[in-house]
Protein backbone atom coordinates (compact mmCIF):
# COMPACT_ATOMS: atom_id res chain seq x y z
CA MET A 1 -0.25 0.13 0.04
CA GLN A 2 1.46 3.68 -0.69
CA PHE A 3 0.69 7.26 -0.48
CA ALA A 4 2.45 9.48 -3.09
CA GLU A 5 0.61 12.64 -2.83
CA ASN A 6 3.71 15.15 -3.88
CA HIS A 7 7.20 14.27 -1.76
CA HIS A 8 8.29 10.87 -0.72
CA PRO A 9 6.17 7.83 -0.91
CA ILE A 10 5.08 6.08 2.09
CA ILE A 11 5.00 2.47 1.97
CA PHE A 12 3.57 -0.72 3.86
CA PRO A 13 5.61 -3.06 2.51
CA GLY A 14 3.76 -6.35 3.23
CA LYS A 15 4.67 -9.00 5.83
CA HIS A 16 7.48 -10.26 3.75
CA LEU A 17 8.83 -7.09 3.09
CA GLU A 18 8.29 -7.73 -0.61
CA ASP A 19 7.55 -4.28 -2.10
CA TRP A 20 10.97 -2.96 -0.44
CA ALA A 21 12.97 -5.69 -2.16
CA HIS A 22 10.81 -4.82 -5.40
CA TRP A 23 11.63 -0.84 -4.57
CA PHE A 24 15.12 -1.63 -4.06
CA GLU A 25 16.05 -3.55 -7.36
CA ASN A 26 14.25 -0.86 -9.30
CA HIS A 27 17.10 1.78 -8.05
CA SER A 28 20.62 2.35 -8.41
CA PHE A 29 22.94 3.24 -5.82
CA THR A 30 26.60 3.22 -5.75
CA SER A 31 27.09 2.06 -1.98
CA VAL A 32 24.28 1.57 1.01
CA PHE A 33 24.57 2.41 4.59
CA VAL A 34 22.27 2.28 7.55
CA LEU A 35 21.95 3.93 10.45
CA VAL A 36 21.22 2.26 13.69
CA ASP A 37 21.31 2.92 17.26
CA SER A 38 22.19 0.29 20.04
CA GLU A 39 18.89 -0.87 20.37
CA THR A 40 17.67 -1.23 16.55
CA SER A 41 21.13 -2.74 16.29
CA GLU A 42 20.31 -5.75 18.34
CA HIS A 43 16.11 -5.81 17.82
CA CYS A 44 15.41 -4.74 14.38
CA LEU A 45 18.96 -4.78 12.11
CA PRO A 46 18.41 -9.11 12.24
CA LEU A 47 14.61 -8.70 10.89
CA VAL A 48 16.10 -6.92 7.69
CA ALA A 49 19.72 -8.01 7.45
CA HIS A 50 18.99 -10.54 4.59
CA LEU A 51 16.93 -8.14 2.36
CA PRO A 52 18.28 -6.52 -0.77
CA GLY A 53 20.37 -3.42 0.14
CA PHE A 54 20.57 -4.40 3.66
CA ASN A 55 22.59 -7.09 2.83
CA GLN A 56 25.37 -5.06 1.13
CA ALA A 57 25.14 -2.34 3.44
CA ILE A 58 27.77 -0.69 5.82
CA THR A 59 26.17 -0.16 9.26
CA LEU A 60 26.86 3.05 10.89
CA LYS A 61 25.81 2.86 14.96
CA MET A 62 25.08 5.61 17.13
CA PRO A 63 24.51 5.57 21.17
CA SER A 64 20.29 4.91 21.73
CA GLY A 65 18.70 8.15 23.16
CA GLU A 66 17.69 11.90 22.77
CA ARG A 67 20.72 13.38 24.56
CA TYR A 68 22.99 11.74 21.64
CA LYS A 69 20.64 13.51 18.87
CA ASN A 70 23.64 16.13 18.71
CA LEU A 71 26.19 17.53 15.98
CA GLU A 72 29.10 15.70 17.94
CA THR A 73 27.08 12.37 16.89
CA ALA A 74 26.88 13.99 13.37
CA LYS A 75 30.10 14.73 13.39
CA ASN A 76 31.19 11.35 14.06
CA ILE A 77 28.80 9.84 11.58
CA TRP A 78 30.02 12.14 8.78
CA GLU A 79 33.33 11.09 9.39
CA GLU A 80 32.40 7.32 8.96
CA LEU A 81 30.62 7.67 5.71
CA LEU A 82 33.66 9.85 4.39
CA LEU A 83 36.03 7.18 5.68
CA HIS A 84 34.07 4.21 3.76
CA GLY A 85 33.83 6.39 0.91
CA ALA A 86 30.26 7.76 0.16
CA ASP A 87 29.65 9.47 -2.51
CA ARG A 88 26.32 11.59 -3.76
CA LYS A 89 25.14 8.45 -5.48
CA SER A 90 25.09 6.76 -2.13
CA LEU A 91 21.87 5.94 -0.12
CA LEU A 92 21.33 6.16 4.04
CA ILE A 93 18.91 4.36 5.20
CA GLY A 94 17.64 5.43 8.81
CA LEU A 95 16.67 2.21 11.05
CA GLY A 96 15.31 3.55 14.06
CA GLY A 97 13.01 5.66 16.02
CA GLY A 98 12.87 9.29 15.66
CA VAL A 99 15.85 10.12 16.79
CA VAL A 100 17.55 7.85 14.41
CA THR A 101 15.64 9.16 11.48
CA ASP A 102 16.22 12.97 12.38
CA MET A 103 19.78 11.99 12.54
CA ALA A 104 19.87 10.23 9.19
CA GLY A 105 17.66 12.89 7.54
CA PHE A 106 19.98 15.84 8.75
CA ILE A 107 23.19 13.64 7.99
CA GLY A 108 21.87 12.62 4.36
CA SER A 109 21.00 16.50 3.92
CA THR A 110 24.19 17.80 4.63
CA PHE A 111 26.90 15.43 3.47
CA LYS A 112 28.05 16.50 0.20
CA ARG A 113 25.58 19.00 0.21
CA GLY A 114 23.08 16.13 0.08
CA ILE A 115 22.87 12.37 -0.64
CA SER A 116 19.66 10.13 -1.22
CA THR A 117 18.12 9.19 2.29
CA LEU A 118 15.56 6.61 3.08
CA HIS A 119 13.77 5.82 6.22
CA PHE A 120 12.73 2.34 8.07
CA PRO A 121 11.00 3.41 11.23
CA THR A 122 11.31 1.07 14.01
CA SER A 123 9.20 2.89 16.44
CA LEU A 124 6.06 3.63 16.61
CA MET A 125 6.50 7.44 16.93
CA GLY A 126 8.83 7.16 13.98
CA MET A 127 5.90 5.37 11.89
CA VAL A 128 3.42 7.63 12.34
CA ASP A 129 5.15 11.09 12.83
CA ALA A 130 8.98 11.76 13.11
CA SER A 131 10.01 10.08 9.49
CA ILE A 132 7.22 11.58 7.51
CA GLY A 133 7.69 14.87 5.71
CA GLY A 134 11.03 15.91 5.24
CA LYS A 135 12.06 17.53 8.64
CA THR A 136 15.41 16.70 10.02
CA GLY A 137 17.19 18.17 12.95
CA VAL A 138 19.73 18.16 15.80
CA ASP A 139 19.39 19.56 19.36
CA LEU A 140 21.32 22.20 20.68
CA ASN A 141 22.64 21.90 24.20
CA SER A 142 18.63 21.01 25.99
CA ALA A 143 17.13 22.87 23.09
CA LYS A 144 15.06 20.71 20.92
CA ASN A 145 15.72 20.34 17.00
CA GLN A 146 17.50 23.85 16.96
CA ILE A 147 19.87 22.95 13.87
CA GLY A 148 18.08 21.10 11.22
CA THR A 149 16.55 21.27 7.45
CA PHE A 150 13.76 20.16 5.22
CA TYR A 151 14.87 17.50 3.41
CA GLN A 152 12.41 14.78 1.73
CA PRO A 153 13.84 11.38 1.64
CA GLU A 154 13.54 8.69 -1.23
CA GLY A 155 10.66 7.06 1.05
CA VAL A 156 9.33 5.96 4.28
CA PHE A 157 8.53 2.41 4.79
CA VAL A 158 6.52 1.34 7.56
CA TYR A 159 7.12 -1.95 8.93
CA SER A 160 4.37 -2.79 11.38
CA LYS A 161 6.46 -6.20 12.72
CA PHE A 162 9.02 -3.76 14.32
CA LEU A 163 6.38 -2.66 16.79
CA GLU A 164 6.62 -6.15 18.36
CA THR A 165 10.49 -5.37 20.00
CA LEU A 166 9.12 -1.94 21.45
CA PRO A 167 8.22 -1.62 25.11
CA ASP A 168 4.91 -0.57 26.33
CA LEU A 169 6.40 3.04 27.18
CA GLU A 170 7.59 3.47 23.35
CA ILE A 171 4.45 2.24 22.35
CA GLN A 172 2.31 5.01 25.00
CA SER A 173 4.83 7.46 23.10
CA GLY A 174 3.73 7.18 19.89
CA PHE A 175 0.02 6.72 20.83
CA ALA A 176 0.36 10.67 21.91
CA GLU A 177 0.69 11.37 18.38
CA MET A 178 -1.91 9.19 16.77
CA LEU A 179 -4.33 11.35 19.77
CA LYS A 180 -3.03 14.45 18.36
CA TYR A 181 -4.30 13.71 14.81
CA GLY A 182 -7.90 13.24 16.46
CA PHE A 183 -7.90 16.39 18.46
CA VAL A 184 -6.67 18.33 15.55
CA GLY A 185 -8.04 16.61 12.29
CA ASN A 186 -10.35 14.00 13.08
CA PRO A 187 -12.90 13.41 16.17
CA ASN A 188 -13.83 9.78 15.11
CA PHE A 189 -10.43 8.90 15.29
CA LEU A 190 -9.85 10.51 18.52
CA LYS A 191 -13.05 8.38 19.79
CA THR A 192 -11.61 5.08 18.44
CA LEU A 193 -8.79 5.38 19.93
CA GLU A 194 -10.35 6.26 23.32
CA ASN A 195 -11.87 2.75 22.94
CA HIS A 196 -8.70 0.94 22.62
CA LYS A 197 -8.68 -0.97 26.04
CA ASP A 198 -4.56 -1.39 25.86
CA PHE A 199 -2.15 0.28 23.34
CA LYS A 200 -2.17 -2.39 20.79
CA VAL A 201 -2.16 -0.60 17.57
CA ARG A 202 -3.67 -1.79 14.40
CA GLU A 203 -2.41 -1.48 11.13
CA GLU A 204 -5.40 0.90 10.16
CA ASP A 205 -4.42 3.24 12.74
CA LEU A 206 -0.79 3.28 11.31
CA VAL A 207 -2.53 3.88 8.04
CA PHE A 208 -4.62 6.71 8.66
CA SER A 209 -2.18 8.45 10.89
CA ALA A 210 0.63 8.17 8.52
CA HIS A 211 -2.07 9.50 5.69
CA PHE A 212 -3.10 12.38 7.58
CA LYS A 213 0.44 13.45 8.46
CA LYS A 214 1.27 13.13 4.88
CA LYS A 215 -1.75 14.96 3.63
CA ILE A 216 -1.03 18.06 5.65
CA VAL A 217 2.73 18.10 5.24
CA SER A 218 2.11 18.09 1.18
CA GLN A 219 0.09 21.35 1.53
CA ASP A 220 2.65 23.02 3.55
CA PRO A 221 6.15 21.71 3.16
CA PHE A 222 8.09 24.18 5.01
CA GLU A 223 5.83 24.96 7.40
CA LYS A 224 4.60 28.22 6.34
CA GLY A 225 1.04 27.74 7.60
CA ILE A 226 -1.35 24.76 8.07
CA ARG A 227 1.35 22.62 9.07
CA ALA A 228 1.70 23.94 12.23
CA ILE A 229 -1.09 22.42 13.32
CA LEU A 230 1.04 19.48 13.76
CA ASN A 231 2.34 21.13 16.64
CA PHE A 232 -0.41 21.05 19.05
CA GLY A 233 0.91 19.81 22.31
CA HIS A 234 4.31 20.53 21.35
CA THR A 235 5.22 24.08 22.65
CA ALA A 236 4.62 23.01 26.18
CA GLY A 237 5.74 19.50 25.39
CA HIS A 238 9.27 20.89 24.34
CA ALA A 239 9.47 22.71 26.95
CA LEU A 240 8.79 20.03 29.60
CA GLU A 241 10.98 17.62 27.33
CA ALA A 242 13.83 20.29 28.09
CA PHE A 243 13.44 20.38 31.54
CA TYR A 244 13.46 16.60 32.04
CA LEU A 245 16.74 16.43 29.92
CA ASP A 246 18.58 19.09 31.85
CA HIS A 247 17.34 17.35 35.16
CA LYS A 248 18.22 13.99 33.81
CA MET A 249 15.09 12.60 34.36
CA PRO A 250 14.41 9.84 31.61
CA THR A 251 11.05 9.94 30.04
CA THR A 252 9.71 9.87 26.58
CA HIS A 253 8.64 12.57 24.03
CA GLY A 254 5.06 11.26 23.85
CA PHE A 255 4.70 11.24 27.30
CA CYS A 256 5.65 15.42 27.27
CA VAL A 257 3.41 15.82 24.50
CA ALA A 258 0.38 14.33 26.02
CA LEU A 259 1.18 16.75 29.12
CA GLY A 260 1.68 19.70 26.52
CA MET A 261 -1.76 18.85 25.12
CA MET A 262 -3.56 19.17 28.10
CA VAL A 263 -2.10 22.77 28.56
CA ALA A 264 -3.36 23.45 24.99
CA LEU A 265 -6.37 22.36 25.96
CA ASP A 266 -6.54 24.57 28.79
CA LEU A 267 -5.95 27.45 26.53
CA SER A 268 -8.44 26.63 24.13
CA LYS A 269 -11.23 27.28 26.03
CA ASN A 270 -10.39 31.05 25.96
CA ILE A 271 -11.08 30.69 22.03
CA GLY A 272 -14.28 28.66 22.10
CA LEU A 273 -13.56 24.82 23.01
CA SER A 274 -16.74 23.78 24.79
CA ASP A 275 -16.18 22.41 28.47
CA ASP A 276 -17.64 19.09 27.17
CA GLU A 277 -14.79 18.62 24.81
CA TYR A 278 -12.33 20.00 26.94
CA GLU A 279 -13.51 17.06 29.75
CA MET A 280 -13.32 14.88 26.85
CA GLY A 281 -9.97 15.20 25.99
CA MET A 282 -8.50 15.73 29.42
CA ARG A 283 -10.53 12.51 30.16
CA ILE A 284 -8.95 10.73 27.30
CA LEU A 285 -5.25 12.47 28.02
CA ASN A 286 -5.88 11.48 31.74
CA GLN A 287 -6.80 7.54 30.88
CA LYS A 288 -3.77 6.82 28.54
CA PHE A 289 -0.82 9.18 30.07
CA PRO A 290 -1.14 9.42 34.31
CA PHE A 291 1.55 11.25 35.55
CA PRO A 292 3.41 12.24 38.90
CA LYS A 293 2.03 15.82 40.21
CA PHE A 294 4.71 18.72 39.77
CA SER A 295 5.38 21.09 42.09
CA GLU A 296 4.85 25.19 42.14
CA ILE A 297 8.34 25.32 41.99
CA ASP A 298 8.97 23.66 38.47
CA LEU A 299 6.63 25.53 36.64
CA PRO A 300 8.75 28.76 35.79
CA GLU A 301 11.34 26.61 35.11
CA ILE A 302 9.46 24.81 33.08
CA ALA A 303 8.20 27.72 31.51
CA SER A 304 11.71 29.14 30.99
CA TYR A 305 12.34 26.93 28.22
CA LEU A 306 9.21 27.99 25.93
CA LYS A 307 11.86 30.91 24.77
CA TYR A 308 13.25 28.42 22.33
CA ASP A 309 10.65 27.30 20.46
CA LYS A 310 10.79 27.67 16.84
CA LYS A 311 7.59 29.27 16.39
CA ASN A 312 8.61 31.94 18.65
CA GLU A 313 8.38 35.68 16.58
CA SER A 314 10.03 38.75 18.12
CA GLY A 315 10.19 36.42 21.41
CA LYS A 316 6.02 36.09 21.50
CA LEU A 317 4.99 32.25 22.07
CA LYS A 318 2.86 31.18 19.48
CA PHE A 319 0.56 28.11 20.45
CA VAL A 320 -1.82 26.08 18.23
CA LEU A 321 -5.11 25.78 19.71
CA LEU A 322 -8.55 24.40 19.32
CA LYS A 323 -11.81 26.23 18.71
CA SER A 324 -13.36 22.58 18.82
CA ILE A 325 -11.94 19.37 18.60
CA GLY A 326 -10.85 19.08 14.46
CA ASP A 327 -10.61 22.67 14.07
CA PRO A 328 -7.31 23.98 15.03
CA VAL A 329 -5.57 27.48 15.18
CA TRP A 330 -2.00 28.27 14.63
CA ASN A 331 0.16 31.08 15.84
CA HIS A 332 -2.26 32.08 18.46
CA GLU A 333 -0.16 34.58 20.68
CA ILE A 334 0.26 33.47 24.27
CA SER A 335 1.96 34.61 27.11
CA SER A 336 4.35 32.71 29.23
CA ALA A 337 2.39 33.77 32.33
CA GLU A 338 -0.91 32.47 30.67
CA VAL A 339 1.18 28.99 30.38
CA VAL A 340 2.16 28.63 33.89
CA ASN A 341 -1.36 29.32 34.93
CA ALA A 342 -2.65 26.60 32.35
CA MET A 343 0.01 24.41 33.68
CA ARG A 344 -0.83 25.08 37.12
CA ARG A 345 -4.77 24.11 36.44
CA VAL A 346 -3.93 20.87 34.65
CA TRP A 347 -0.77 19.46 36.64
CA LEU A 348 -0.84 20.68 39.85
């Protein structure tokens, strides 16, 4: 199954990856490299190592975790590519979650001013969000994705069998991004996900989510307009994620986005979100993402990270909010004090 409206195709390659073999045999590259982290090297690479392309690839390995998504790691991989003679007709495959596909995209977009990249996302977050749309990036200190490019991969192959290798916490993280698509685009999908008794993801959930994101980014590849709705929950979520990184408290991106969506729902009441829709949204998020309470002293520190958000203009915070579920607005100006008050209402 394939979606190919503009830019890269999204391919669900079949139980035995037959569509991948067909795709690779119809393309020509001088050499193939596959970027993995310490987790996907052990659990995912063996599932595809026998396939065309992978069976001739040079493996590049990075440590696992967001804290390694930085320029130092990129430099190490650029040097490996140079050492192994990669040229402008080489292919770099990102085999991993969002950190790996972000890194592969960034490295591929910059090495020799751009080589072909392709993504095999292995996490739910990667399958429904991070690998789709051509955003690449690395973090700068604690600030997320401050250095990056827009660079379209040759394709994204969504192989659901990789989900069987994931711990429950990683499935929960990706589930937050699927809920986001319901909030900003499809109330019926949101209700479908609410009715999941656990985090077991169906193939049709993957297809809908990937298709929805692809549709949005195809309309706005460089985030000049509607693509911004995909940041729902991410403004406060990224600030929380930076807070956790600085305090060396392990968490997941999806967990932070879920808590960020709570803040955005609270702020959305000021632009028309009904009490019923607010309560439904909070009920879903609290059911799926139980979280420890914060202390009052945490809130100003978390809010201090908002200044790094890439949507900011002239120092002003820009949020994605909901007039109603499925009807988002973007670039809505919110003060830091309003954000802290919203955090206080929903997190304390």
